[in-house]
Amino acid sequence: MFNRGNQTGMTLFGMTLVVFVIVFFTLLGLKLLPAYLNNFKVNSDLANLVHQPNASRLSRSEIVDGLERRFEIDEVSYVHLSKDLHVTRITGGKRISIVYEIRVPLIYNVSALVDFNDHVEAVHR
C-alpha cells in the first residue's frame, strides 16, 4: 500500500533553492573569470621579464617599457604601471611588484572587489 508518512525526497522549494545556488555561483565564476585570466597574464609577463639577461640591473623606466610592450601584446587591462608598479632593492637584486585591484560589477549596484599582489625577484646571476 501507499503510505505518505514514509515518502522522502526534495520539495519544489528545496529544488528551486539548489538550482538558484548553482546558477548564482556559475554566474559569479563567469563574471570573475576575465579578472583572473588578466592576472595570469600579468604573472606570466613578470616572470618573462625576470628571465631576460641582466634583469636585476634594469632601471625602473626600462622595466616599465618592457612590461608595457608585453601588456600590449597580451592585451592586459586593469593595470596602470605608473601607480601599480613598485620596484624595490633587495640583497642581490630587485623586487618587482604589481599591486592592483579590479572592481567587477555583478548585479545592479552590487560589485565584487578583487585584489591582486604579484611580485617577482630579479637577482644577480
PDB file of N, CA and C in Angstrom:
ATOM      1  N   MET A   1       0.829  -1.175   0.000  1.00  0.00           N
ATOM      2  CA  MET A   1       0.000   0.000   0.000  1.00  0.00           C
ATOM      3  C   MET A   1       0.875   1.241   0.000  1.00  0.00           C
ATOM      4  N   PHE A   2       0.251   2.341  -0.303  1.00  0.00           N
ATOM      5  CA  PHE A   2       0.940   3.630  -0.429  1.00  0.00           C
ATOM      6  C   PHE A   2       0.832   4.399   0.879  1.00  0.00           C
ATOM      7  N   ASN A   3       1.963   4.654   1.551  1.00  0.00           N
ATOM      8  CA  ASN A   3       1.973   5.342   2.832  1.00  0.00           C
ATOM      9  C   ASN A   3       2.689   6.689   2.683  1.00  0.00           C
ATOM     10  N   ARG A   4       1.958   7.810   2.816  1.00  0.00           N
ATOM     11  CA  ARG A   4       2.533   9.143   2.657  1.00  0.00           C
ATOM     12  C   ARG A   4       3.517   9.487   3.766  1.00  0.00           C
ATOM     13  N   GLY A   5       3.431   8.908   4.896  1.00  0.00           N
ATOM     14  CA  GLY A   5       4.328   9.205   6.006  1.00  0.00           C
ATOM     15  C   GLY A   5       5.758   8.771   5.750  1.00  0.00           C
ATOM     16  N   ASN A   6       5.980   7.833   4.870  1.00  0.00           N
ATOM     17  CA  ASN A   6       7.319   7.326   4.597  1.00  0.00           C
ATOM     18  C   ASN A   6       7.936   7.922   3.337  1.00  0.00           C
ATOM     19  N   GLN A   7       7.287   8.888   2.708  1.00  0.00           N
ATOM     20  CA  GLN A   7       7.830   9.469   1.478  1.00  0.00           C
ATOM     21  C   GLN A   7       9.027  10.363   1.816  1.00  0.00           C
ATOM     22  N   THR A   8      10.041  10.275   0.988  1.00  0.00           N
ATOM     23  CA  THR A   8      11.212  11.140   1.139  1.00  0.00           C
ATOM     24  C   THR A   8      11.522  11.751  -0.217  1.00  0.00           C
ATOM     25  N   GLY A   9      12.274  12.830  -0.193  1.00  0.00           N
ATOM     26  CA  GLY A   9      12.646  13.485  -1.443  1.00  0.00           C
ATOM     27  C   GLY A   9      12.726  14.984  -1.242  1.00  0.00           C
ATOM     28  N   MET A  10      13.031  15.658  -2.300  1.00  0.00           N
ATOM     29  CA  MET A  10      13.208  17.095  -2.250  1.00  0.00           C
ATOM     30  C   MET A  10      11.915  17.784  -2.663  1.00  0.00           C
ATOM     31  N   THR A  11      11.565  18.814  -1.942  1.00  0.00           N
ATOM     32  CA  THR A  11      10.360  19.566  -2.286  1.00  0.00           C
ATOM     33  C   THR A  11      10.675  20.523  -3.425  1.00  0.00           C
ATOM     34  N   LEU A  12       9.660  21.125  -3.978  1.00  0.00           N
ATOM     35  CA  LEU A  12       9.833  22.091  -5.053  1.00  0.00           C
ATOM     36  C   LEU A  12      10.654  23.293  -4.561  1.00  0.00           C
ATOM     37  N   PHE A  13      10.397  23.726  -3.329  1.00  0.00           N
ATOM     38  CA  PHE A  13      11.156  24.831  -2.763  1.00  0.00           C
ATOM     39  C   PHE A  13      12.630  24.463  -2.605  1.00  0.00           C
ATOM     40  N   GLY A  14      12.917  23.277  -2.145  1.00  0.00           N
ATOM     41  CA  GLY A  14      14.293  22.811  -1.998  1.00  0.00           C
ATOM     42  C   GLY A  14      15.005  22.723  -3.337  1.00  0.00           C
ATOM     43  N   MET A  15      14.318  22.198  -4.329  1.00  0.00           N
ATOM     44  CA  MET A  15      14.895  22.083  -5.665  1.00  0.00           C
ATOM     45  C   MET A  15      15.168  23.475  -6.241  1.00  0.00           C
ATOM     46  N   THR A  16      14.259  24.417  -6.036  1.00  0.00           N
ATOM     47  CA  THR A  16      14.446  25.786  -6.518  1.00  0.00           C
ATOM     48  C   THR A  16      15.641  26.435  -5.843  1.00  0.00           C
ATOM     49  N   LEU A  17      15.789  26.204  -4.567  1.00  0.00           N
ATOM     50  CA  LEU A  17      16.915  26.761  -3.821  1.00  0.00           C
ATOM     51  C   LEU A  17      18.241  26.199  -4.321  1.00  0.00           C
ATOM     52  N   VAL A  18      18.308  24.922  -4.560  1.00  0.00           N
ATOM     53  CA  VAL A  18      19.522  24.291  -5.067  1.00  0.00           C
ATOM     54  C   VAL A  18      19.867  24.831  -6.448  1.00  0.00           C
ATOM     55  N   VAL A  19      18.885  24.959  -7.323  1.00  0.00           N
ATOM     56  CA  VAL A  19      19.119  25.485  -8.668  1.00  0.00           C
ATOM     57  C   VAL A  19      19.591  26.940  -8.585  1.00  0.00           C
ATOM     58  N   PHE A  20      18.992  27.727  -7.700  1.00  0.00           N
ATOM     59  CA  PHE A  20      19.383  29.131  -7.534  1.00  0.00           C
ATOM     60  C   PHE A  20      20.841  29.242  -7.099  1.00  0.00           C
ATOM     61  N   VAL A  21      21.255  28.432  -6.151  1.00  0.00           N
ATOM     62  CA  VAL A  21      22.634  28.472  -5.658  1.00  0.00           C
ATOM     63  C   VAL A  21      23.607  28.075  -6.767  1.00  0.00           C
ATOM     64  N   ILE A  22      23.279  27.050  -7.533  1.00  0.00           N
ATOM     65  CA  ILE A  22      24.141  26.612  -8.638  1.00  0.00           C
ATOM     66  C   ILE A  22      24.256  27.705  -9.692  1.00  0.00           C
ATOM     67  N   VAL A  23      23.145  28.307 -10.072  1.00  0.00           N
ATOM     68  CA  VAL A  23      23.155  29.376 -11.074  1.00  0.00           C
ATOM     69  C   VAL A  23      23.934  30.587 -10.563  1.00  0.00           C
ATOM     70  N   PHE A  24      23.751  30.948  -9.297  1.00  0.00           N
ATOM     71  CA  PHE A  24      24.447  32.103  -8.723  1.00  0.00           C
ATOM     72  C   PHE A  24      25.956  31.924  -8.788  1.00  0.00           C
ATOM     73  N   PHE A  25      26.462  30.780  -8.340  1.00  0.00           N
ATOM     74  CA  PHE A  25      27.903  30.575  -8.329  1.00  0.00           C
ATOM     75  C   PHE A  25      28.471  30.392  -9.731  1.00  0.00           C
ATOM     76  N   THR A  26      27.689  29.864 -10.646  1.00  0.00           N
ATOM     77  CA  THR A  26      28.127  29.762 -12.035  1.00  0.00           C
ATOM     78  C   THR A  26      28.273  31.150 -12.643  1.00  0.00           C
ATOM     79  N   LEU A  27      27.285  32.011 -12.453  1.00  0.00           N
ATOM     80  CA  LEU A  27      27.372  33.372 -12.974  1.00  0.00           C
ATOM     81  C   LEU A  27      28.482  34.168 -12.304  1.00  0.00           C
ATOM     82  N   LEU A  28      28.679  33.964 -11.010  1.00  0.00           N
ATOM     83  CA  LEU A  28      29.761  34.636 -10.298  1.00  0.00           C
ATOM     84  C   LEU A  28      31.112  34.228 -10.887  1.00  0.00           C
ATOM     85  N   GLY A  29      31.284  32.946 -11.128  1.00  0.00           N
ATOM     86  CA  GLY A  29      32.521  32.460 -11.735  1.00  0.00           C
ATOM     87  C   GLY A  29      32.746  33.014 -13.126  1.00  0.00           C
ATOM     88  N   LEU A  30      31.686  33.087 -13.926  1.00  0.00           N
ATOM     89  CA  LEU A  30      31.810  33.626 -15.275  1.00  0.00           C
ATOM     90  C   LEU A  30      32.137  35.115 -15.263  1.00  0.00           C
ATOM     91  N   LYS A  31      31.620  35.853 -14.295  1.00  0.00           N
ATOM     92  CA  LYS A  31      31.913  37.280 -14.189  1.00  0.00           C
ATOM     93  C   LYS A  31      33.353  37.516 -13.734  1.00  0.00           C
ATOM     94  N   LEU A  32      33.863  36.677 -12.823  1.00  0.00           N
ATOM     95  CA  LEU A  32      35.202  36.876 -12.269  1.00  0.00           C
ATOM     96  C   LEU A  32      36.308  36.256 -13.123  1.00  0.00           C
ATOM     97  N   LEU A  33      35.971  35.380 -14.034  1.00  0.00           N
ATOM     98  CA  LEU A  33      36.963  34.690 -14.851  1.00  0.00           C
ATOM     99  C   LEU A  33      37.871  35.650 -15.625  1.00  0.00           C
ATOM    100  N   PRO A  34      37.361  36.707 -16.289  1.00  0.00           N
ATOM    101  CA  PRO A  34      38.266  37.614 -17.013  1.00  0.00           C
ATOM    102  C   PRO A  34      39.291  38.296 -16.103  1.00  0.00           C
ATOM    103  N   ALA A  35      38.914  38.637 -14.882  1.00  0.00           N
ATOM    104  CA  ALA A  35      39.852  39.269 -13.959  1.00  0.00           C
ATOM    105  C   ALA A  35      40.992  38.311 -13.616  1.00  0.00           C
ATOM    106  N   TYR A  36      40.685  37.047 -13.388  1.00  0.00           N
ATOM    107  CA  TYR A  36      41.719  36.080 -13.046  1.00  0.00           C
ATOM    108  C   TYR A  36      42.572  35.702 -14.255  1.00  0.00           C
ATOM    109  N   LEU A  37      41.991  35.691 -15.447  1.00  0.00           N
ATOM    110  CA  LEU A  37      42.780  35.462 -16.659  1.00  0.00           C
ATOM    111  C   LEU A  37      43.750  36.619 -16.888  1.00  0.00           C
ATOM    112  N   ASN A  38      43.280  37.854 -16.616  1.00  0.00           N
ATOM    113  CA  ASN A  38      44.137  39.033 -16.718  1.00  0.00           C
ATOM    114  C   ASN A  38      45.312  38.905 -15.746  1.00  0.00           C
ATOM    115  N   ASN A  39      45.050  38.460 -14.530  1.00  0.00           N
ATOM    116  CA  ASN A  39      46.102  38.296 -13.539  1.00  0.00           C
ATOM    117  C   ASN A  39      47.090  37.221 -13.952  1.00  0.00           C
ATOM    118  N   PHE A  40      46.612  36.170 -14.585  1.00  0.00           N
ATOM    119  CA  PHE A  40      47.508  35.127 -15.079  1.00  0.00           C
ATOM    120  C   PHE A  40      48.487  35.700 -16.102  1.00  0.00           C
ATOM    121  N   LYS A  41      48.007  36.589 -16.974  1.00  0.00           N
ATOM    122  CA  LYS A  41      48.871  37.233 -17.967  1.00  0.00           C
ATOM    123  C   LYS A  41      49.900  38.142 -17.293  1.00  0.00           C
ATOM    124  N   VAL A  42      49.482  38.880 -16.261  1.00  0.00           N
ATOM    125  CA  VAL A  42      50.402  39.750 -15.529  1.00  0.00           C
ATOM    126  C   VAL A  42      51.516  38.914 -14.898  1.00  0.00           C
ATOM    127  N   ASN A  43      51.163  37.808 -14.247  1.00  0.00           N
ATOM    128  CA  ASN A  43      52.165  36.914 -13.647  1.00  0.00           C
ATOM    129  C   ASN A  43      53.130  36.374 -14.693  1.00  0.00           C
ATOM    130  N   SER A  44      52.597  35.979 -15.827  1.00  0.00           N
ATOM    131  CA  SER A  44      53.417  35.437 -16.903  1.00  0.00           C
ATOM    132  C   SER A  44      54.377  36.491 -17.439  1.00  0.00           C
ATOM    133  N   ASP A  45      53.890  37.713 -17.631  1.00  0.00           N
ATOM    134  CA  ASP A  45      54.743  38.787 -18.142  1.00  0.00           C
ATOM    135  C   ASP A  45      55.830  39.167 -17.142  1.00  0.00           C
ATOM    136  N   LEU A  46      55.497  39.173 -15.864  1.00  0.00           N
ATOM    137  CA  LEU A  46      56.512  39.449 -14.844  1.00  0.00           C
ATOM    138  C   LEU A  46      57.584  38.365 -14.843  1.00  0.00           C
ATOM    139  N   ALA A  47      57.185  37.126 -14.930  1.00  0.00           N
ATOM    140  CA  ALA A  47      58.147  36.018 -14.948  1.00  0.00           C
ATOM    141  C   ALA A  47      59.042  36.103 -16.181  1.00  0.00           C
ATOM    142  N   ASN A  48      58.475  36.438 -17.335  1.00  0.00           N
ATOM    143  CA  ASN A  48      59.272  36.565 -18.548  1.00  0.00           C
ATOM    144  C   ASN A  48      60.260  37.725 -18.449  1.00  0.00           C
ATOM    145  N   LEU A  49      59.859  38.808 -17.790  1.00  0.00           N
ATOM    146  CA  LEU A  49      60.748  39.950 -17.616  1.00  0.00           C
ATOM    147  C   LEU A  49      61.957  39.575 -16.769  1.00  0.00           C
ATOM    148  N   VAL A  50      61.747  38.800 -15.731  1.00  0.00           N
ATOM    149  CA  VAL A  50      62.834  38.414 -14.833  1.00  0.00           C
ATOM    150  C   VAL A  50      63.798  37.441 -15.504  1.00  0.00           C
ATOM    151  N   HIS A  51      63.318  36.643 -16.437  1.00  0.00           N
ATOM    152  CA  HIS A  51      64.181  35.637 -17.077  1.00  0.00           C
ATOM    153  C   HIS A  51      65.040  36.212 -18.187  1.00  0.00           C
ATOM    154  N   GLN A  52      64.872  37.483 -18.504  1.00  0.00           N
ATOM    155  CA  GLN A  52      65.747  38.052 -19.529  1.00  0.00           C
ATOM    156  C   GLN A  52      67.114  38.366 -18.919  1.00  0.00           C
ATOM    157  N   PRO A  53      68.157  38.416 -19.744  1.00  0.00           N
ATOM    158  CA  PRO A  53      69.504  38.654 -19.206  1.00  0.00           C
ATOM    159  C   PRO A  53      69.605  40.024 -18.523  1.00  0.00           C
ATOM    160  N   ASN A  54      70.342  40.083 -17.431  1.00  0.00           N
ATOM    161  CA  ASN A  54      70.579  41.301 -16.670  1.00  0.00           C
ATOM    162  C   ASN A  54      69.292  41.963 -16.172  1.00  0.00           C
ATOM    163  N   ALA A  55      68.315  41.191 -15.831  1.00  0.00           N
ATOM    164  CA  ALA A  55      67.042  41.745 -15.351  1.00  0.00           C
ATOM    165  C   ALA A  55      67.219  42.498 -14.047  1.00  0.00           C
ATOM    166  N   SER A  56      68.169  42.097 -13.241  1.00  0.00           N
ATOM    167  CA  SER A  56      68.369  42.762 -11.956  1.00  0.00           C
ATOM    168  C   SER A  56      69.020  44.130 -12.111  1.00  0.00           C
ATOM    169  N   ARG A  57      69.568  44.418 -13.268  1.00  0.00           N
ATOM    170  CA  ARG A  57      70.226  45.699 -13.498  1.00  0.00           C
ATOM    171  C   ARG A  57      69.344  46.691 -14.261  1.00  0.00           C
ATOM    172  N   LEU A  58      68.117  46.311 -14.584  1.00  0.00           N
ATOM    173  CA  LEU A  58      67.229  47.200 -15.328  1.00  0.00           C
ATOM    174  C   LEU A  58      66.769  48.361 -14.448  1.00  0.00           C
ATOM    175  N   SER A  59      66.667  49.540 -15.051  1.00  0.00           N
ATOM    176  CA  SER A  59      66.134  50.689 -14.320  1.00  0.00           C
ATOM    177  C   SER A  59      64.611  50.613 -14.321  1.00  0.00           C
ATOM    178  N   ARG A  60      63.994  51.462 -13.524  1.00  0.00           N
ATOM    179  CA  ARG A  60      62.530  51.476 -13.452  1.00  0.00           C
ATOM    180  C   ARG A  60      61.919  51.780 -14.818  1.00  0.00           C
ATOM    181  N   SER A  61      62.482  52.726 -15.549  1.00  0.00           N
ATOM    182  CA  SER A  61      61.922  53.078 -16.863  1.00  0.00           C
ATOM    183  C   SER A  61      62.061  51.923 -17.850  1.00  0.00           C
ATOM    184  N   GLU A  62      63.159  51.175 -17.769  1.00  0.00           N
ATOM    185  CA  GLU A  62      63.323  50.013 -18.647  1.00  0.00           C
ATOM    186  C   GLU A  62      62.329  48.910 -18.275  1.00  0.00           C
ATOM    187  N   ILE A  63      62.079  48.753 -16.992  1.00  0.00           N
ATOM    188  CA  ILE A  63      61.093  47.763 -16.546  1.00  0.00           C
ATOM    189  C   ILE A  63      59.701  48.152 -17.042  1.00  0.00           C
ATOM    190  N   VAL A  64      59.369  49.442 -16.907  1.00  0.00           N
ATOM    191  CA  VAL A  64      58.057  49.920 -17.360  1.00  0.00           C
ATOM    192  C   VAL A  64      57.909  49.722 -18.865  1.00  0.00           C
ATOM    193  N   ASP A  65      58.944  50.078 -19.632  1.00  0.00           N
ATOM    194  CA  ASP A  65      58.885  49.901 -21.088  1.00  0.00           C
ATOM    195  C   ASP A  65      58.705  48.438 -21.470  1.00  0.00           C
ATOM    196  N   GLY A  66      59.468  47.555 -20.814  1.00  0.00           N
ATOM    197  CA  GLY A  66      59.357  46.128 -21.116  1.00  0.00           C
ATOM    198  C   GLY A  66      57.984  45.571 -20.775  1.00  0.00           C
ATOM    199  N   LEU A  67      57.463  45.968 -19.623  1.00  0.00           N
ATOM    200  CA  LEU A  67      56.141  45.473 -19.230  1.00  0.00           C
ATOM    201  C   LEU A  67      55.039  46.057 -20.110  1.00  0.00           C
ATOM    202  N   GLU A  68      55.157  47.326 -20.482  1.00  0.00           N
ATOM    203  CA  GLU A  68      54.130  47.923 -21.351  1.00  0.00           C
ATOM    204  C   GLU A  68      54.064  47.204 -22.691  1.00  0.00           C
ATOM    205  N   ARG A  69      55.227  46.868 -23.255  1.00  0.00           N
ATOM    206  CA  ARG A  69      55.223  46.120 -24.523  1.00  0.00           C
ATOM    207  C   ARG A  69      54.583  44.747 -24.358  1.00  0.00           C
ATOM    208  N   ARG A  70      54.922  44.072 -23.275  1.00  0.00           N
ATOM    209  CA  ARG A  70      54.341  42.746 -23.027  1.00  0.00           C
ATOM    210  C   ARG A  70      52.829  42.846 -22.780  1.00  0.00           C
ATOM    211  N   PHE A  71      52.419  43.857 -22.008  1.00  0.00           N
ATOM    212  CA  PHE A  71      50.993  44.028 -21.714  1.00  0.00           C
ATOM    213  C   PHE A  71      50.204  44.354 -22.975  1.00  0.00           C
ATOM    214  N   GLU A  72      50.812  45.127 -23.875  1.00  0.00           N
ATOM    215  CA  GLU A  72      50.121  45.457 -25.123  1.00  0.00           C
ATOM    216  C   GLU A  72      49.934  44.212 -25.993  1.00  0.00           C
ATOM    217  N   ILE A  73      50.949  43.382 -26.050  1.00  0.00           N
ATOM    218  CA  ILE A  73      50.853  42.143 -26.842  1.00  0.00           C
ATOM    219  C   ILE A  73      49.811  41.202 -26.238  1.00  0.00           C
ATOM    220  N   ASP A  74      49.820  41.059 -24.906  1.00  0.00           N
ATOM    221  CA  ASP A  74      48.901  40.137 -24.233  1.00  0.00           C
ATOM    222  C   ASP A  74      47.529  40.743 -23.957  1.00  0.00           C
ATOM    223  N   GLU A  75      47.349  42.016 -24.317  1.00  0.00           N
ATOM    224  CA  GLU A  75      46.079  42.720 -24.095  1.00  0.00           C
ATOM    225  C   GLU A  75      45.690  42.713 -22.619  1.00  0.00           C
ATOM    226  N   VAL A  76      46.664  43.064 -21.766  1.00  0.00           N
ATOM    227  CA  VAL A  76      46.417  43.164 -20.333  1.00  0.00           C
ATOM    228  C   VAL A  76      45.729  44.496 -20.058  1.00  0.00           C
ATOM    229  N   SER A  77      44.659  44.438 -19.302  1.00  0.00           N
ATOM    230  CA  SER A  77      43.969  45.661 -18.898  1.00  0.00           C
ATOM    231  C   SER A  77      43.935  45.714 -17.370  1.00  0.00           C
ATOM    232  N   TYR A  78      43.386  46.763 -16.845  1.00  0.00           N
ATOM    233  CA  TYR A  78      43.214  46.984 -15.403  1.00  0.00           C
ATOM    234  C   TYR A  78      44.498  47.405 -14.682  1.00  0.00           C
ATOM    235  N   VAL A  79      45.669  47.288 -15.301  1.00  0.00           N
ATOM    236  CA  VAL A  79      46.919  47.604 -14.629  1.00  0.00           C
ATOM    237  C   VAL A  79      47.447  48.931 -15.171  1.00  0.00           C
ATOM    238  N   HIS A  80      47.720  49.861 -14.264  1.00  0.00           N
ATOM    239  CA  HIS A  80      48.319  51.148 -14.614  1.00  0.00           C
ATOM    240  C   HIS A  80      49.699  51.179 -13.969  1.00  0.00           C
ATOM    241  N   LEU A  81      50.718  50.980 -14.790  1.00  0.00           N
ATOM    242  CA  LEU A  81      52.062  50.823 -14.255  1.00  0.00           C
ATOM    243  C   LEU A  81      52.552  52.050 -13.506  1.00  0.00           C
ATOM    244  N   SER A  82      52.058  53.234 -13.856  1.00  0.00           N
ATOM    245  CA  SER A  82      52.525  54.443 -13.170  1.00  0.00           C
ATOM    246  C   SER A  82      52.192  54.423 -11.686  1.00  0.00           C
ATOM    247  N   LYS A  83      51.074  53.813 -11.307  1.00  0.00           N
ATOM    248  CA  LYS A  83      50.712  53.775  -9.890  1.00  0.00           C
ATOM    249  C   LYS A  83      50.745  52.373  -9.284  1.00  0.00           C
ATOM    250  N   ASP A  84      50.705  51.329 -10.098  1.00  0.00           N
ATOM    251  CA  ASP A  84      50.630  49.963  -9.570  1.00  0.00           C
ATOM    252  C   ASP A  84      51.976  49.254  -9.475  1.00  0.00           C
ATOM    253  N   LEU A  85      52.991  49.756 -10.190  1.00  0.00           N
ATOM    254  CA  LEU A  85      54.303  49.103 -10.214  1.00  0.00           C
ATOM    255  C   LEU A  85      55.180  49.639  -9.092  1.00  0.00           C
ATOM    256  N   HIS A  86      55.801  48.729  -8.342  1.00  0.00           N
ATOM    257  CA  HIS A  86      56.721  49.093  -7.262  1.00  0.00           C
ATOM    258  C   HIS A  86      58.013  48.301  -7.451  1.00  0.00           C
ATOM    259  N   VAL A  87      59.127  49.015  -7.537  1.00  0.00           N
ATOM    260  CA  VAL A  87      60.438  48.388  -7.685  1.00  0.00           C
ATOM    261  C   VAL A  87      61.255  48.734  -6.447  1.00  0.00           C
ATOM    262  N   THR A  88      61.689  47.723  -5.728  1.00  0.00           N
ATOM    263  CA  THR A  88      62.498  47.939  -4.521  1.00  0.00           C
ATOM    264  C   THR A  88      63.779  47.123  -4.611  1.00  0.00           C
ATOM    265  N   ARG A  89      64.824  47.679  -4.026  1.00  0.00           N
ATOM    266  CA  ARG A  89      66.109  46.964  -3.986  1.00  0.00           C
ATOM    267  C   ARG A  89      66.094  45.963  -2.840  1.00  0.00           C
ATOM    268  N   ILE A  90      66.602  44.781  -3.141  1.00  0.00           N
ATOM    269  CA  ILE A  90      66.785  43.758  -2.121  1.00  0.00           C
ATOM    270  C   ILE A  90      68.233  43.285  -2.208  1.00  0.00           C
ATOM    271  N   THR A  91      68.655  42.508  -1.275  1.00  0.00           N
ATOM    272  CA  THR A  91      70.016  41.990  -1.297  1.00  0.00           C
ATOM    273  C   THR A  91      70.213  41.121  -2.532  1.00  0.00           C
ATOM    274  N   GLY A  92      71.107  41.547  -3.403  1.00  0.00           N
ATOM    275  CA  GLY A  92      71.425  40.766  -4.587  1.00  0.00           C
ATOM    276  C   GLY A  92      70.539  41.024  -5.779  1.00  0.00           C
ATOM    277  N   GLY A  93      69.691  42.056  -5.762  1.00  0.00           N
ATOM    278  CA  GLY A  93      68.856  42.323  -6.925  1.00  0.00           C
ATOM    279  C   GLY A  93      67.724  43.285  -6.648  1.00  0.00           C
ATOM    280  N   LYS A  94      66.612  43.035  -7.308  1.00  0.00           N
ATOM    281  CA  LYS A  94      65.438  43.898  -7.183  1.00  0.00           C
ATOM    282  C   LYS A  94      64.183  43.055  -7.020  1.00  0.00           C
ATOM    283  N   ARG A  95      63.221  43.644  -6.341  1.00  0.00           N
ATOM    284  CA  ARG A  95      61.898  43.030  -6.208  1.00  0.00           C
ATOM    285  C   ARG A  95      60.920  43.890  -7.004  1.00  0.00           C
ATOM    286  N   ILE A  96      60.253  43.273  -7.952  1.00  0.00           N
ATOM    287  CA  ILE A  96      59.303  43.980  -8.821  1.00  0.00           C
ATOM    288  C   ILE A  96      57.901  43.521  -8.432  1.00  0.00           C
ATOM    289  N   SER A  97      57.077  44.473  -8.007  1.00  0.00           N
ATOM    290  CA  SER A  97      55.722  44.151  -7.544  1.00  0.00           C
ATOM    291  C   SER A  97      54.701  44.933  -8.342  1.00  0.00           C
ATOM    292  N   ILE A  98      53.597  44.297  -8.613  1.00  0.00           N
ATOM    293  CA  ILE A  98      52.443  44.969  -9.203  1.00  0.00           C
ATOM    294  C   ILE A  98      51.260  44.677  -8.288  1.00  0.00           C
ATOM    295  N   VAL A  99      50.739  45.729  -7.680  1.00  0.00           N
ATOM    296  CA  VAL A  99      49.620  45.621  -6.743  1.00  0.00           C
ATOM    297  C   VAL A  99      48.462  46.411  -7.337  1.00  0.00           C
ATOM    298  N   TYR A 100      47.360  45.726  -7.618  1.00  0.00           N
ATOM    299  CA  TYR A 100      46.204  46.398  -8.207  1.00  0.00           C
ATOM    300  C   TYR A 100      44.926  45.704  -7.775  1.00  0.00           C
ATOM    301  N   GLU A 101      43.823  46.388  -8.021  1.00  0.00           N
ATOM    302  CA  GLU A 101      42.514  45.818  -7.700  1.00  0.00           C
ATOM    303  C   GLU A 101      41.587  45.986  -8.898  1.00  0.00           C
ATOM    304  N   ILE A 102      40.647  45.083  -8.988  1.00  0.00           N
ATOM    305  CA  ILE A 102      39.660  45.106 -10.060  1.00  0.00           C
ATOM    306  C   ILE A 102      38.279  45.067  -9.431  1.00  0.00           C
ATOM    307  N   ARG A 103      37.438  46.005  -9.821  1.00  0.00           N
ATOM    308  CA  ARG A 103      36.048  46.041  -9.360  1.00  0.00           C
ATOM    309  C   ARG A 103      35.186  45.478 -10.494  1.00  0.00           C
ATOM    310  N   VAL A 104      34.516  44.358 -10.220  1.00  0.00           N
ATOM    311  CA  VAL A 104      33.703  43.672 -11.221  1.00  0.00           C
ATOM    312  C   VAL A 104      32.228  43.871 -10.875  1.00  0.00           C
ATOM    313  N   PRO A 105      31.475  44.570 -11.727  1.00  0.00           N
ATOM    314  CA  PRO A 105      30.041  44.721 -11.451  1.00  0.00           C
ATOM    315  C   PRO A 105      29.323  43.377 -11.603  1.00  0.00           C
ATOM    316  N   LEU A 106      28.518  43.035 -10.605  1.00  0.00           N
ATOM    317  CA  LEU A 106      27.811  41.761 -10.636  1.00  0.00           C
ATOM    318  C   LEU A 106      26.351  41.954 -11.025  1.00  0.00           C
ATOM    319  N   ILE A 107      25.569  42.531 -10.117  1.00  0.00           N
ATOM    320  CA  ILE A 107      24.140  42.720 -10.347  1.00  0.00           C
ATOM    321  C   ILE A 107      23.756  44.101  -9.841  1.00  0.00           C
ATOM    322  N   TYR A 108      23.122  44.895 -10.660  1.00  0.00           N
ATOM    323  CA  TYR A 108      22.621  46.216 -10.320  1.00  0.00           C
ATOM    324  C   TYR A 108      23.695  47.038  -9.624  1.00  0.00           C
ATOM    325  N   ASN A 109      23.619  47.258  -8.330  1.00  0.00           N
ATOM    326  CA  ASN A 109      24.621  48.058  -7.630  1.00  0.00           C
ATOM    327  C   ASN A 109      25.541  47.197  -6.749  1.00  0.00           C
ATOM    328  N   VAL A 110      25.643  45.924  -7.042  1.00  0.00           N
ATOM    329  CA  VAL A 110      26.490  45.010  -6.288  1.00  0.00           C
ATOM    330  C   VAL A 110      27.724  44.695  -7.135  1.00  0.00           C
ATOM    331  N   SER A 111      28.908  44.909  -6.535  1.00  0.00           N
ATOM    332  CA  SER A 111      30.168  44.657  -7.234  1.00  0.00           C
ATOM    333  C   SER A 111      31.052  43.763  -6.387  1.00  0.00           C
ATOM    334  N   ALA A 112      31.974  43.096  -7.068  1.00  0.00           N
ATOM    335  CA  ALA A 112      32.985  42.298  -6.381  1.00  0.00           C
ATOM    336  C   ALA A 112      34.322  43.010  -6.548  1.00  0.00           C
ATOM    337  N   LEU A 113      35.067  43.123  -5.464  1.00  0.00           N
ATOM    338  CA  LEU A 113      36.382  43.748  -5.494  1.00  0.00           C
ATOM    339  C   LEU A 113      37.431  42.646  -5.335  1.00  0.00           C
ATOM    340  N   VAL A 114      38.318  42.551  -6.328  1.00  0.00           N
ATOM    341  CA  VAL A 114      39.338  41.512  -6.326  1.00  0.00           C
ATOM    342  C   VAL A 114      40.701  42.193  -6.251  1.00  0.00           C
ATOM    343  N   ASP A 115      41.487  41.888  -5.224  1.00  0.00           N
ATOM    344  CA  ASP A 115      42.820  42.457  -5.036  1.00  0.00           C
ATOM    345  C   ASP A 115      43.876  41.468  -5.512  1.00  0.00           C
ATOM    346  N   PHE A 116      44.873  41.990  -6.227  1.00  0.00           N
ATOM    347  CA  PHE A 116      45.977  41.164  -6.695  1.00  0.00           C
ATOM    348  C   PHE A 116      47.287  41.786  -6.233  1.00  0.00           C
ATOM    349  N   ASN A 117      48.219  40.957  -5.796  1.00  0.00           N
ATOM    350  CA  ASN A 117      49.541  41.391  -5.380  1.00  0.00           C
ATOM    351  C   ASN A 117      50.542  40.413  -5.980  1.00  0.00           C
ATOM    352  N   ASP A 118      51.101  40.771  -7.133  1.00  0.00           N
ATOM    353  CA  ASP A 118      52.017  39.900  -7.849  1.00  0.00           C
ATOM    354  C   ASP A 118      53.421  40.459  -7.722  1.00  0.00           C
ATOM    355  N   HIS A 119      54.386  39.598  -7.478  1.00  0.00           N
ATOM    356  CA  HIS A 119      55.763  40.060  -7.374  1.00  0.00           C
ATOM    357  C   HIS A 119      56.736  38.969  -7.828  1.00  0.00           C
ATOM    358  N   VAL A 120      57.886  39.446  -8.286  1.00  0.00           N
ATOM    359  CA  VAL A 120      58.988  38.565  -8.653  1.00  0.00           C
ATOM    360  C   VAL A 120      60.269  39.198  -8.145  1.00  0.00           C
ATOM    361  N   GLU A 121      61.312  38.404  -8.036  1.00  0.00           N
ATOM    362  CA  GLU A 121      62.604  38.903  -7.602  1.00  0.00           C
ATOM    363  C   GLU A 121      63.633  38.619  -8.675  1.00  0.00           C
ATOM    364  N   ALA A 122      64.285  39.686  -9.113  1.00  0.00           N
ATOM    365  CA  ALA A 122      65.358  39.575 -10.101  1.00  0.00           C
ATOM    366  C   ALA A 122      66.668  39.658  -9.331  1.00  0.00           C
ATOM    367  N   VAL A 123      67.405  38.574  -9.322  1.00  0.00           N
ATOM    368  CA  VAL A 123      68.664  38.533  -8.579  1.00  0.00           C
ATOM    369  C   VAL A 123      69.835  38.474  -9.562  1.00  0.00           C
ATOM    370  N   HIS A 124      71.009  38.955  -9.097  1.00  0.00           N
ATOM    371  CA  HIS A 124      72.220  38.922  -9.937  1.00  0.00           C
ATOM    372  C   HIS A 124      72.624  37.481 -10.189  1.00  0.00           C
ATOM    373  N   ARG A 125      73.004  37.205 -11.409  1.00  0.00           N
ATOM    374  CA  ARG A 125      73.413  35.838 -11.772  1.00  0.00           C
ATOM    375  C   ARG A 125      74.866  35.798 -12.111  1.00  0.00           C
TER     376      ARG A 125
END
